[in-house]
C-alpha atoms as a PDB file:
ATOM      1  CA  UNK A   1       0.000   0.000   0.000  1.00  0.00           C
ATOM      2  CA  UNK A   2       1.832   3.112  -1.266  1.00  0.00           C
ATOM      3  CA  UNK A   3      -0.298   5.971   0.030  1.00  0.00           C
ATOM      4  CA  UNK A   4      -2.451   4.758   2.915  1.00  0.00           C
ATOM      5  CA  UNK A   5      -4.710   7.287   4.601  1.00  0.00           C
ATOM      6  CA  UNK A   6      -4.789   5.281   7.836  1.00  0.00           C
ATOM      7  CA  UNK A   7      -1.952   3.514   9.645  1.00  0.00           C
ATOM      8  CA  UNK A   8      -3.170   0.801  11.997  1.00  0.00           C
ATOM      9  CA  UNK A   9      -0.738   0.116  14.839  1.00  0.00           C
ATOM     10  CA  UNK A  10      -1.077  -3.406  16.221  1.00  0.00           C
ATOM     11  CA  UNK A  11       1.494  -4.501  18.849  1.00  0.00           C
ATOM     12  CA  UNK A  12       1.708  -8.247  19.463  1.00  0.00           C
ATOM     13  CA  UNK A  13       3.233 -10.212  22.313  1.00  0.00           C
ATOM     14  CA  UNK A  14       2.299 -13.858  22.887  1.00  0.00           C
ATOM     15  CA  UNK A  15      -1.313 -13.606  21.754  1.00  0.00           C
ATOM     16  CA  UNK A  16      -1.502 -16.680  19.527  1.00  0.00           C
ATOM     17  CA  UNK A  17      -4.977 -17.464  20.838  1.00  0.00           C
ATOM     18  CA  UNK A  18      -6.489 -14.187  19.615  1.00  0.00           C
ATOM     19  CA  UNK A  19      -4.243 -12.625  16.966  1.00  0.00           C
ATOM     20  CA  UNK A  20      -5.804 -14.290  13.915  1.00  0.00           C
ATOM     21  CA  UNK A  21      -9.284 -12.934  14.671  1.00  0.00           C
ATOM     22  CA  UNK A  22      -7.849  -9.512  15.483  1.00  0.00           C
ATOM     23  CA  UNK A  23      -5.947  -9.236  12.184  1.00  0.00           C
ATOM     24  CA  UNK A  24      -8.897 -10.578  10.198  1.00  0.00           C
ATOM     25  CA  UNK A  25     -11.219  -7.969  11.710  1.00  0.00           C
ATOM     26  CA  UNK A  26      -8.877  -5.227  10.481  1.00  0.00           C
ATOM     27  CA  UNK A  27      -8.497  -6.688   6.994  1.00  0.00           C
ATOM     28  CA  UNK A  28     -12.293  -7.022   6.724  1.00  0.00           C
ATOM     29  CA  UNK A  29     -12.896  -3.292   7.166  1.00  0.00           C
ATOM     30  CA  UNK A  30     -15.313  -1.647   4.724  1.00  0.00           C
ATOM     31  CA  UNK A  31     -12.747   1.148   4.315  1.00  0.00           C
ATOM     32  CA  UNK A  32      -9.682  -0.359   2.661  1.00  0.00           C
ATOM     33  CA  UNK A  33      -7.051   2.369   2.155  1.00  0.00           C
ATOM     34  CA  UNK A  34      -4.903   1.591   5.184  1.00  0.00           C
ATOM     35  CA  UNK A  35      -1.646  -0.042   6.175  1.00  0.00           C
ATOM     36  CA  UNK A  36      -1.604  -2.526   9.031  1.00  0.00           C
ATOM     37  CA  UNK A  37       1.656  -2.222  10.958  1.00  0.00           C
ATOM     38  CA  UNK A  38       1.997  -5.412  13.001  1.00  0.00           C
ATOM     39  CA  UNK A  39       4.808  -5.141  15.544  1.00  0.00           C
ATOM     40  CA  UNK A  40       5.829  -8.508  16.971  1.00  0.00           C
ATOM     41  CA  UNK A  41       7.547  -7.732  20.257  1.00  0.00           C
ATOM     42  CA  UNK A  42       9.726 -10.867  20.312  1.00  0.00           C
ATOM     43  CA  UNK A  43       6.842 -13.258  20.980  1.00  0.00           C
ATOM     44  CA  UNK A  44       7.838 -16.715  22.196  1.00  0.00           C
ATOM     45  CA  UNK A  45       4.617 -18.510  21.240  1.00  0.00           C
ATOM     46  CA  UNK A  46       3.127 -19.162  17.796  1.00  0.00           C
ATOM     47  CA  UNK A  47       2.087 -15.554  17.112  1.00  0.00           C
ATOM     48  CA  UNK A  48       4.716 -15.033  14.403  1.00  0.00           C
ATOM     49  CA  UNK A  49       3.611 -18.033  12.347  1.00  0.00           C
ATOM     50  CA  UNK A  50      -0.019 -16.931  12.505  1.00  0.00           C
ATOM     51  CA  UNK A  51       0.845 -13.383  11.437  1.00  0.00           C
ATOM     52  CA  UNK A  52       3.033 -14.595   8.560  1.00  0.00           C
ATOM     53  CA  UNK A  53       0.228 -16.825   7.296  1.00  0.00           C
ATOM     54  CA  UNK A  54      -1.649 -13.737   6.081  1.00  0.00           C
ATOM     55  CA  UNK A  55      -0.969 -12.653   2.510  1.00  0.00           C
ATOM     56  CA  UNK A  56      -2.173  -9.074   2.179  1.00  0.00           C
ATOM     57  CA  UNK A  57      -0.202  -6.175   0.701  1.00  0.00           C
ATOM     58  CA  UNK A  58      -1.558  -3.832   3.371  1.00  0.00           C
ATOM     59  CA  UNK A  59       0.341  -5.658   6.122  1.00  0.00           C
ATOM     60  CA  UNK A  60       3.737  -4.304   7.215  1.00  0.00           C
ATOM     61  CA  UNK A  61       5.337  -6.840   9.503  1.00  0.00           C
ATOM     62  CA  UNK A  62       7.953  -5.616  11.986  1.00  0.00           C
ATOM     63  CA  UNK A  63       9.762  -7.923  14.397  1.00  0.00           C
ATOM     64  CA  UNK A  64      11.665  -6.646  17.424  1.00  0.00           C
ATOM     65  CA  UNK A  65      14.953  -8.481  17.973  1.00  0.00           C
ATOM     66  CA  UNK A  66      14.339  -8.315  21.706  1.00  0.00           C
ATOM     67  CA  UNK A  67      11.311  -7.591  23.842  1.00  0.00           C
ATOM     68  CA  UNK A  68      10.955  -3.796  23.973  1.00  0.00           C
ATOM     69  CA  UNK A  69       7.648  -3.909  25.871  1.00  0.00           C
ATOM     70  CA  UNK A  70       4.512  -2.072  24.910  1.00  0.00           C
ATOM     71  CA  UNK A  71       5.354   1.633  25.041  1.00  0.00           C
ATOM     72  CA  UNK A  72       8.581   1.466  23.019  1.00  0.00           C
ATOM     73  CA  UNK A  73       6.848  -0.811  20.540  1.00  0.00           C
ATOM     74  CA  UNK A  74       3.921   1.600  20.186  1.00  0.00           C
ATOM     75  CA  UNK A  75       6.258   4.546  19.629  1.00  0.00           C
ATOM     76  CA  UNK A  76       8.142   2.516  17.026  1.00  0.00           C
ATOM     77  CA  UNK A  77       4.849   1.991  15.223  1.00  0.00           C
ATOM     78  CA  UNK A  78       4.016   5.696  15.404  1.00  0.00           C
ATOM     79  CA  UNK A  79       7.381   6.580  13.868  1.00  0.00           C
ATOM     80  CA  UNK A  80       6.776   4.093  11.028  1.00  0.00           C
ATOM     81  CA  UNK A  81       3.254   5.336  10.290  1.00  0.00           C
ATOM     82  CA  UNK A  82       2.733   6.821   6.810  1.00  0.00           C
ATOM     83  CA  UNK A  83      -0.984   7.547   6.999  1.00  0.00           C
ATOM     84  CA  UNK A  84      -2.641  10.842   7.842  1.00  0.00           C
ATOM     85  CA  UNK A  85      -4.417   9.083  10.711  1.00  0.00           C
ATOM     86  CA  UNK A  86      -3.378   6.389  13.183  1.00  0.00           C
ATOM     87  CA  UNK A  87      -5.839   3.772  14.412  1.00  0.00           C
ATOM     88  CA  UNK A  88      -4.903   1.901  17.589  1.00  0.00           C
ATOM     89  CA  UNK A  89      -5.650  -1.771  17.795  1.00  0.00           C
ATOM     90  CA  UNK A  90      -4.793  -4.489  20.294  1.00  0.00           C
ATOM     91  CA  UNK A  91      -3.967  -8.088  19.442  1.00  0.00           C
ATOM     92  CA  UNK A  92      -6.832  -9.560  21.464  1.00  0.00           C
ATOM     93  CA  UNK A  93      -9.624  -7.207  20.342  1.00  0.00           C
ATOM     94  CA  UNK A  94     -11.962  -7.257  17.337  1.00  0.00           C
ATOM     95  CA  UNK A  95     -12.934  -4.299  15.132  1.00  0.00           C
ATOM     96  CA  UNK A  96     -16.472  -3.784  13.904  1.00  0.00           C
ATOM     97  CA  UNK A  97     -16.336  -3.914  10.062  1.00  0.00           C
ATOM     98  CA  UNK A  98     -17.284  -0.240   9.660  1.00  0.00           C
ATOM     99  CA  UNK A  99     -15.026   1.128  12.404  1.00  0.00           C
ATOM    100  CA  UNK A 100     -12.486   2.874  10.153  1.00  0.00           C
ATOM    101  CA  UNK A 101     -15.157   4.139   7.780  1.00  0.00           C
ATOM    102  CA  UNK A 102     -17.152   5.726  10.609  1.00  0.00           C
ATOM    103  CA  UNK A 103     -14.165   7.283  12.384  1.00  0.00           C
ATOM    104  CA  UNK A 104     -12.548   8.591   9.222  1.00  0.00           C
ATOM    105  CA  UNK A 105     -15.788  10.170   8.062  1.00  0.00           C
ATOM    106  CA  UNK A 106     -16.159  11.929  11.409  1.00  0.00           C
ATOM    107  CA  UNK A 107     -12.593  13.283  11.495  1.00  0.00           C
ATOM    108  CA  UNK A 108     -12.706  14.478   7.892  1.00  0.00           C
ATOM    109  CA  UNK A 109     -16.047  16.226   8.301  1.00  0.00           C
ATOM    110  CA  UNK A 110     -14.610  18.557  10.948  1.00  0.00           C
ATOM    111  CA  UNK A 111     -10.840  19.007  10.821  1.00  0.00           C
ATOM    112  CA  UNK A 112     -10.806  20.700  14.240  1.00  0.00           C
ATOM    113  CA  UNK A 113     -11.072  17.255  15.841  1.00  0.00           C
ATOM    114  CA  UNK A 114      -7.690  15.638  16.446  1.00  0.00           C
ATOM    115  CA  UNK A 115      -8.995  12.352  17.797  1.00  0.00           C
ATOM    116  CA  UNK A 116     -12.080  10.230  18.300  1.00  0.00           C
ATOM    117  CA  UNK A 117     -12.880   7.019  20.109  1.00  0.00           C
ATOM    118  CA  UNK A 118     -16.021   4.926  20.280  1.00  0.00           C
ATOM    119  CA  UNK A 119     -18.092   2.741  22.554  1.00  0.00           C
ATOM    120  CA  UNK A 120     -17.072  -0.898  22.981  1.00  0.00           C
ATOM    121  CA  UNK A 121     -18.639  -4.248  23.763  1.00  0.00           C
ATOM    122  CA  UNK A 122     -16.788  -6.309  26.357  1.00  0.00           C
ATOM    123  CA  UNK A 123     -16.014  -9.935  25.510  1.00  0.00           C
ATOM    124  CA  UNK A 124     -14.352 -12.638  27.579  1.00  0.00           C
ATOM    125  CA  UNK A 125     -11.528 -15.003  26.609  1.00  0.00           C
ATOM    126  CA  UNK A 126     -14.013 -17.164  24.678  1.00  0.00           C
ATOM    127  CA  UNK A 127     -15.603 -14.269  22.793  1.00  0.00           C
ATOM    128  CA  UNK A 128     -18.793 -14.194  24.867  1.00  0.00           C
ATOM    129  CA  UNK A 129     -20.398 -10.760  25.297  1.00  0.00           C
ATOM    130  CA  UNK A 130     -20.157  -9.799  28.966  1.00  0.00           C
ATOM    131  CA  UNK A 131     -20.826  -6.060  29.035  1.00  0.00           C
ATOM    132  CA  UNK A 132     -20.704  -2.702  27.312  1.00  0.00           C
ATOM    133  CA  UNK A 133     -18.599   0.415  27.702  1.00  0.00           C
ATOM    134  CA  UNK A 134     -20.233   3.735  26.907  1.00  0.00           C
ATOM    135  CA  UNK A 135     -18.237   6.948  27.017  1.00  0.00           C
ATOM    136  CA  UNK A 136     -19.256  10.589  27.047  1.00  0.00           C
ATOM    137  CA  UNK A 137     -18.988  12.107  23.607  1.00  0.00           C
ATOM    138  CA  UNK A 138     -18.496  15.890  23.565  1.00  0.00           C
ATOM    139  CA  UNK A 139     -15.164  17.704  23.626  1.00  0.00           C
ATOM    140  CA  UNK A 140     -15.971  19.770  26.710  1.00  0.00           C
ATOM    141  CA  UNK A 141     -17.173  16.853  28.829  1.00  0.00           C
ATOM    142  CA  UNK A 142     -14.282  14.643  27.710  1.00  0.00           C
ATOM    143  CA  UNK A 143     -11.727  17.247  28.796  1.00  0.00           C
ATOM    144  CA  UNK A 144     -13.430  17.787  32.155  1.00  0.00           C
ATOM    145  CA  UNK A 145     -13.488  14.015  32.629  1.00  0.00           C
ATOM    146  CA  UNK A 146      -9.704  13.954  32.126  1.00  0.00           C
ATOM    147  CA  UNK A 147      -9.391  15.733  35.484  1.00  0.00           C
ATOM    148  CA  UNK A 148     -10.216  12.381  37.068  1.00  0.00           C
ATOM    149  CA  UNK A 149      -9.707   9.449  34.700  1.00  0.00           C
ATOM    150  CA  UNK A 150      -9.227   8.401  31.089  1.00  0.00           C
ATOM    151  CA  UNK A 151     -12.393   8.941  29.027  1.00  0.00           C
ATOM    152  CA  UNK A 152     -11.382   6.732  26.079  1.00  0.00           C
ATOM    153  CA  UNK A 153     -11.167   3.002  25.465  1.00  0.00           C
ATOM    154  CA  UNK A 154      -7.609   3.054  24.106  1.00  0.00           C
ATOM    155  CA  UNK A 155      -7.921   0.554  21.204  1.00  0.00           C
ATOM    156  CA  UNK A 156     -10.969   2.422  19.861  1.00  0.00           C
ATOM    157  CA  UNK A 157      -8.959   5.573  19.198  1.00  0.00           C
ATOM    158  CA  UNK A 158      -8.205   7.106  15.807  1.00  0.00           C
ATOM    159  CA  UNK A 159      -5.921  10.147  15.941  1.00  0.00           C
ATOM    160  CA  UNK A 160      -4.154  12.491  13.544  1.00  0.00           C
ATOM    161  CA  UNK A 161      -0.687  11.083  12.930  1.00  0.00           C
ATOM    162  CA  UNK A 162       1.035  14.459  13.141  1.00  0.00           C
ATOM    163  CA  UNK A 163      -0.367  15.061  16.636  1.00  0.00           C
ATOM    164  CA  UNK A 164       0.840  11.681  17.892  1.00  0.00           C
ATOM    165  CA  UNK A 165       4.277  11.910  16.280  1.00  0.00           C
ATOM    166  CA  UNK A 166       4.791  15.195  18.164  1.00  0.00           C
ATOM    167  CA  UNK A 167       3.461  13.710  21.411  1.00  0.00           C
ATOM    168  CA  UNK A 168       4.754  10.155  21.713  1.00  0.00           C
ATOM    169  CA  UNK A 169       3.717   7.828  24.515  1.00  0.00           C
ATOM    170  CA  UNK A 170       5.711   8.451  27.700  1.00  0.00           C
ATOM    171  CA  UNK A 171       8.055   5.578  28.550  1.00  0.00           C
ATOM    172  CA  UNK A 172       7.489   6.343  32.238  1.00  0.00           C
ATOM    173  CA  UNK A 173       3.763   5.641  31.974  1.00  0.00           C
ATOM    174  CA  UNK A 174       4.063   1.846  32.203  1.00  0.00           C
ATOM    175  CA  UNK A 175       0.637   0.177  31.831  1.00  0.00           C
ATOM    176  CA  UNK A 176      -0.944   3.657  31.794  1.00  0.00           C
ATOM    177  CA  UNK A 177       0.392   5.122  28.548  1.00  0.00           C
ATOM    178  CA  UNK A 178      -2.995   6.357  27.329  1.00  0.00           C
ATOM    179  CA  UNK A 179      -3.989   7.810  30.693  1.00  0.00           C
ATOM    180  CA  UNK A 180      -0.891  10.022  30.588  1.00  0.00           C
ATOM    181  CA  UNK A 181      -1.186  10.956  26.912  1.00  0.00           C
ATOM    182  CA  UNK A 182      -4.745  12.290  26.611  1.00  0.00           C
ATOM    183  CA  UNK A 183      -4.487  15.140  29.162  1.00  0.00           C
ATOM    184  CA  UNK A 184      -1.086  16.034  27.732  1.00  0.00           C
ATOM    185  CA  UNK A 185      -2.692  16.390  24.304  1.00  0.00           C
ATOM    186  CA  UNK A 186      -5.564  18.336  25.843  1.00  0.00           C
ATOM    187  CA  UNK A 187      -3.099  20.977  27.055  1.00  0.00           C
ATOM    188  CA  UNK A 188      -3.208  22.139  23.427  1.00  0.00           C
ATOM    189  CA  UNK A 189      -6.500  24.027  23.508  1.00  0.00           C
ATOM    190  CA  UNK A 190      -6.862  23.839  19.717  1.00  0.00           C
ATOM    191  CA  UNK A 191      -7.158  20.036  19.897  1.00  0.00           C
ATOM    192  CA  UNK A 192     -10.731  18.756  20.052  1.00  0.00           C
ATOM    193  CA  UNK A 193     -11.827  15.262  21.061  1.00  0.00           C
ATOM    194  CA  UNK A 194     -14.968  13.196  20.547  1.00  0.00           C
ATOM    195  CA  UNK A 195     -16.461   9.770  21.077  1.00  0.00           C
ATOM    196  CA  UNK A 196     -18.644   8.226  18.381  1.00  0.00           C
ATOM    197  CA  UNK A 197     -21.645   6.766  20.250  1.00  0.00           C
ATOM    198  CA  UNK A 198     -21.533   3.441  18.420  1.00  0.00           C
ATOM    199  CA  UNK A 199     -20.069   0.046  19.347  1.00  0.00           C
ATOM    200  CA  UNK A 200     -17.099  -0.128  16.966  1.00  0.00           C
ATOM    201  CA  UNK A 201     -14.883  -2.537  18.934  1.00  0.00           C
ATOM    202  CA  UNK A 202     -15.142  -5.782  20.867  1.00  0.00           C
ATOM    203  CA  UNK A 203     -12.835  -5.227  23.830  1.00  0.00           C
ATOM    204  CA  UNK A 204     -11.496  -8.432  25.333  1.00  0.00           C
ATOM    205  CA  UNK A 205     -11.437  -8.564  29.125  1.00  0.00           C
ATOM    206  CA  UNK A 206      -9.510 -11.535  30.524  1.00  0.00           C
ATOM    207  CA  UNK A 207      -6.900 -12.282  33.187  1.00  0.00           C
ATOM    208  CA  UNK A 208      -3.982 -11.400  30.877  1.00  0.00           C
ATOM    209  CA  UNK A 209      -5.531  -8.127  29.750  1.00  0.00           C
ATOM    210  CA  UNK A 210      -3.284  -5.246  30.861  1.00  0.00           C
ATOM    211  CA  UNK A 211      -6.204  -3.315  32.365  1.00  0.00           C
ATOM    212  CA  UNK A 212      -7.036  -6.341  34.533  1.00  0.00           C
ATOM    213  CA  UNK A 213      -3.514  -7.521  35.351  1.00  0.00           C
ATOM    214  CA  UNK A 214      -2.233  -4.073  36.376  1.00  0.00           C
ATOM    215  CA  UNK A 215      -5.381  -2.371  37.704  1.00  0.00           C
ATOM    216  CA  UNK A 216      -3.841  -1.466  41.093  1.00  0.00           C
ATOM    217  CA  UNK A 217      -0.781   0.064  39.429  1.00  0.00           C
ATOM    218  CA  UNK A 218      -3.010   2.013  37.042  1.00  0.00           C
ATOM    219  CA  UNK A 219      -5.043   3.410  39.927  1.00  0.00           C
ATOM    220  CA  UNK A 220      -1.928   4.599  41.771  1.00  0.00           C
ATOM    221  CA  UNK A 221      -0.279   5.961  38.645  1.00  0.00           C
ATOM    222  CA  UNK A 222      -3.443   7.853  37.698  1.00  0.00           C
ATOM    223  CA  UNK A 223      -2.878  10.289  40.556  1.00  0.00           C
ATOM    224  CA  UNK A 224       0.712  10.906  39.529  1.00  0.00           C
ATOM    225  CA  UNK A 225       0.072  11.560  35.844  1.00  0.00           C
ATOM    226  CA  UNK A 226      -3.128  13.563  36.264  1.00  0.00           C
ATOM    227  CA  UNK A 227      -1.871  15.731  39.124  1.00  0.00           C
ATOM    228  CA  UNK A 228      -0.254  18.409  36.858  1.00  0.00           C
ATOM    229  CA  UNK A 229      -3.430  18.539  34.772  1.00  0.00           C
ATOM    230  CA  UNK A 230      -5.596  19.050  37.878  1.00  0.00           C
ATOM    231  CA  UNK A 231      -3.179  21.634  39.301  1.00  0.00           C
ATOM    232  CA  UNK A 232      -3.677  23.845  36.253  1.00  0.00           C
ATOM    233  CA  UNK A 233      -7.152  24.397  37.657  1.00  0.00           C
ATOM    234  CA  UNK A 234      -6.708  23.945  41.405  1.00  0.00           C
ATOM    235  CA  UNK A 235      -3.217  25.214  42.114  1.00  0.00           C
ATOM    236  CA  UNK A 236      -0.755  23.132  44.165  1.00  0.00           C
ATOM    237  CA  UNK A 237      -2.294  19.998  45.659  1.00  0.00           C
ATOM    238  CA  UNK A 238      -1.578  18.254  48.954  1.00  0.00           C
ATOM    239  CA  UNK A 239      -1.911  14.481  49.321  1.00  0.00           C
ATOM    240  CA  UNK A 240      -5.167  15.061  51.190  1.00  0.00           C
ATOM    241  CA  UNK A 241      -6.462  17.195  48.311  1.00  0.00           C
ATOM    242  CA  UNK A 242      -5.566  14.439  45.842  1.00  0.00           C
ATOM    243  CA  UNK A 243      -7.366  11.840  47.929  1.00  0.00           C
ATOM    244  CA  UNK A 244     -10.521  13.970  48.049  1.00  0.00           C
ATOM    245  CA  UNK A 245     -10.316  14.816  44.356  1.00  0.00           C
ATOM    246  CA  UNK A 246      -9.964  11.266  43.043  1.00  0.00           C
ATOM    247  CA  UNK A 247     -12.458   9.856  45.542  1.00  0.00           C
ATOM    248  CA  UNK A 248     -15.141  11.418  43.331  1.00  0.00           C
ATOM    249  CA  UNK A 249     -14.488   8.582  40.861  1.00  0.00           C
ATOM    250  CA  UNK A 250     -14.019   5.766  43.374  1.00  0.00           C
ATOM    251  CA  UNK A 251     -16.611   3.171  44.343  1.00  0.00           C
ATOM    252  CA  UNK A 252     -15.772   2.546  47.998  1.00  0.00           C
ATOM    253  CA  UNK A 253     -16.336   6.052  49.410  1.00  0.00           C
ATOM    254  CA  UNK A 254     -18.314   6.056  52.673  1.00  0.00           C
ATOM    255  CA  UNK A 255     -20.728   8.866  51.907  1.00  0.00           C
ATOM    256  CA  UNK A 256     -22.625   8.195  55.131  1.00  0.00           C
ATOM    257  CA  UNK A 257     -19.661   9.726  56.958  1.00  0.00           C
ATOM    258  CA  UNK A 258     -20.493  13.414  57.420  1.00  0.00           C
ATOM    259  CA  UNK A 259     -16.825  14.473  57.429  1.00  0.00           C
ATOM    260  CA  UNK A 260     -16.160  12.709  54.117  1.00  0.00           C
ATOM    261  CA  UNK A 261     -19.309  14.211  52.648  1.00  0.00           C
ATOM    262  CA  UNK A 262     -18.498  17.762  53.766  1.00  0.00           C
ATOM    263  CA  UNK A 263     -14.897  17.511  52.551  1.00  0.00           C
ATOM    264  CA  UNK A 264     -16.207  16.365  49.148  1.00  0.00           C
ATOM    265  CA  UNK A 265     -18.759  19.182  49.030  1.00  0.00           C
ATOM    266  CA  UNK A 266     -16.126  21.818  49.809  1.00  0.00           C
ATOM    267  CA  UNK A 267     -13.790  20.403  47.154  1.00  0.00           C
ATOM    268  CA  UNK A 268     -16.518  20.552  44.520  1.00  0.00           C
ATOM    269  CA  UNK A 269     -17.246  24.173  45.432  1.00  0.00           C
ATOM    270  CA  UNK A 270     -13.531  24.971  45.270  1.00  0.00           C
ATOM    271  CA  UNK A 271     -13.147  23.520  41.763  1.00  0.00           C
ATOM    272  CA  UNK A 272     -16.163  25.444  40.503  1.00  0.00           C
ATOM    273  CA  UNK A 273     -14.881  28.693  42.013  1.00  0.00           C
ATOM    274  CA  UNK A 274     -11.421  28.128  40.518  1.00  0.00           C
ATOM    275  CA  UNK A 275     -12.897  27.531  37.092  1.00  0.00           C
ATOM    276  CA  UNK A 276     -15.097  30.617  37.363  1.00  0.00           C
ATOM    277  CA  UNK A 277     -11.903  32.628  37.830  1.00  0.00           C
ATOM    278  CA  UNK A 278      -9.638  30.808  35.350  1.00  0.00           C
ATOM    279  CA  UNK A 279     -12.257  29.848  32.729  1.00  0.00           C
ATOM    280  CA  UNK A 280     -10.400  26.705  31.677  1.00  0.00           C
ATOM    281  CA  UNK A 281     -13.577  24.706  31.061  1.00  0.00           C
ATOM    282  CA  UNK A 282     -17.148  25.380  30.139  1.00  0.00           C
ATOM    283  CA  UNK A 283     -18.683  25.953  33.564  1.00  0.00           C
ATOM    284  CA  UNK A 284     -21.818  23.962  32.785  1.00  0.00           C
ATOM    285  CA  UNK A 285     -19.647  20.972  31.747  1.00  0.00           C
ATOM    286  CA  UNK A 286     -17.724  21.075  35.021  1.00  0.00           C
ATOM    287  CA  UNK A 287     -20.834  21.562  37.153  1.00  0.00           C
ATOM    288  CA  UNK A 288     -22.606  18.705  35.394  1.00  0.00           C
ATOM    289  CA  UNK A 289     -19.709  16.300  35.910  1.00  0.00           C
ATOM    290  CA  UNK A 290     -19.362  17.172  39.593  1.00  0.00           C
ATOM    291  CA  UNK A 291     -23.101  17.011  40.219  1.00  0.00           C
ATOM    292  CA  UNK A 292     -23.294  13.594  38.555  1.00  0.00           C
ATOM    293  CA  UNK A 293     -20.464  12.313  40.779  1.00  0.00           C
ATOM    294  CA  UNK A 294     -22.210  13.659  43.901  1.00  0.00           C
ATOM    295  CA  UNK A 295     -25.334  11.778  42.868  1.00  0.00           C
ATOM    296  CA  UNK A 296     -23.422   8.539  42.185  1.00  0.00           C
ATOM    297  CA  UNK A 297     -21.559   8.684  45.510  1.00  0.00           C
ATOM    298  CA  UNK A 298     -24.958   8.929  47.177  1.00  0.00           C
ATOM    299  CA  UNK A 299     -26.359   6.101  45.103  1.00  0.00           C
ATOM    300  CA  UNK A 300     -23.482   3.738  45.894  1.00  0.00           C
ATOM    301  CA  UNK A 301     -23.753   4.477  49.614  1.00  0.00           C
ATOM    302  CA  UNK A 302     -27.519   4.048  49.679  1.00  0.00           C
ATOM    303  CA  UNK A 303     -27.993   7.690  50.676  1.00  0.00           C
ATOM    304  CA  UNK A 304     -29.521  10.796  49.150  1.00  0.00           C
ATOM    305  CA  UNK A 305     -27.898  13.863  50.642  1.00  0.00           C
ATOM    306  CA  UNK A 306     -28.612  17.141  48.897  1.00  0.00           C
ATOM    307  CA  UNK A 307     -25.631  19.266  47.974  1.00  0.00           C
ATOM    308  CA  UNK A 308     -26.860  22.264  49.932  1.00  0.00           C
ATOM    309  CA  UNK A 309     -26.086  25.923  49.409  1.00  0.00           C
ATOM    310  CA  UNK A 310     -23.007  27.486  47.920  1.00  0.00           C
ATOM    311  CA  UNK A 311     -23.511  27.223  44.189  1.00  0.00           C
ATOM    312  CA  UNK A 312     -26.323  27.575  41.699  1.00  0.00           C
ATOM    313  CA  UNK A 313     -26.954  24.357  39.752  1.00  0.00           C
ATOM    314  CA  UNK A 314     -30.269  25.339  38.295  1.00  0.00           C
ATOM    315  CA  UNK A 315     -29.759  25.803  34.576  1.00  0.00           C
ATOM    316  CA  UNK A 316     -31.202  23.661  31.781  1.00  0.00           C
ATOM    317  CA  UNK A 317     -27.779  22.932  30.265  1.00  0.00           C
ATOM    318  CA  UNK A 318     -26.361  21.679  33.580  1.00  0.00           C
ATOM    319  CA  UNK A 319     -29.271  19.330  34.192  1.00  0.00           C
ATOM    320  CA  UNK A 320     -29.322  17.986  30.642  1.00  0.00           C
ATOM    321  CA  UNK A 321     -25.580  17.294  30.763  1.00  0.00           C
ATOM    322  CA  UNK A 322     -25.872  15.762  34.236  1.00  0.00           C
ATOM    323  CA  UNK A 323     -28.485  13.259  33.105  1.00  0.00           C
ATOM    324  CA  UNK A 324     -26.391  12.396  30.049  1.00  0.00           C
ATOM    325  CA  UNK A 325     -23.371  11.768  32.279  1.00  0.00           C
ATOM    326  CA  UNK A 326     -25.411   9.512  34.552  1.00  0.00           C
ATOM    327  CA  UNK A 327     -26.323   7.529  31.445  1.00  0.00           C
ATOM    328  CA  UNK A 328     -22.586   6.914  30.889  1.00  0.00           C
ATOM    329  CA  UNK A 329     -21.833   6.046  34.522  1.00  0.00           C
END
């Protein structure tokens, strides 16, 4: 493929059980002008033989002489990419046939968007459907969400190649490379993000999946990588501030404890006041996200405490966005 519009980056390490279906789902795309860069990171199982069994001119096979691990392998793929856009893909996931067509159409219709993801269906090691992942879709809500967590399913992402070549994955962000990258990209205020509200990927969730195997590390690292992004809004953070901030997205918060509840309420008010002064985010986006988290903390604790005085929530846009966010909870 001489002039591909899309470069698909597919890192592979010991995934002989799933790699054939993953590659086939890419080759079966309705949009066909792409190169598939398969990077074999020194696999020791039968992955290489399966990959080499495919005979398709769109495949570019790259084999690492030694195991470089995921981040270096991803960056190697980015450097090799010739397309205008890069599509991420993992060796155990499956693309919907129209994924590239839908994402490319979206990005070309409005060039202000640098990246888009999609929803995903969760499958287990045997391919059985076990759940669904829905993500918020607008630029403003996605960026506000980045104050707390990653708003994208990584292998659903399609991004402008130029943006990624200038902002490679950080080698320090082991097992959390996407979580570190998105807020770093969002520092460029001209970059816009979106999620296509369609299920364009089957995302495999099993005991060897990185998100499962390294979930504790990811949770701890989240605070480290997102802290500078939060501090742009909040100013310098103490460890206690960080704990309160990220507890808004945790499931085990004891909201029946009045001290925890009041500390959370004051932190929410503080963030809203800071944003009113700095105007980093659309205020209705920030209010809606924080209000939705207050509601969910109540729901998970079996309580229903009102927020109380201190801020005006009563605007149609805030309530509409809040209900949409609760839909994506």
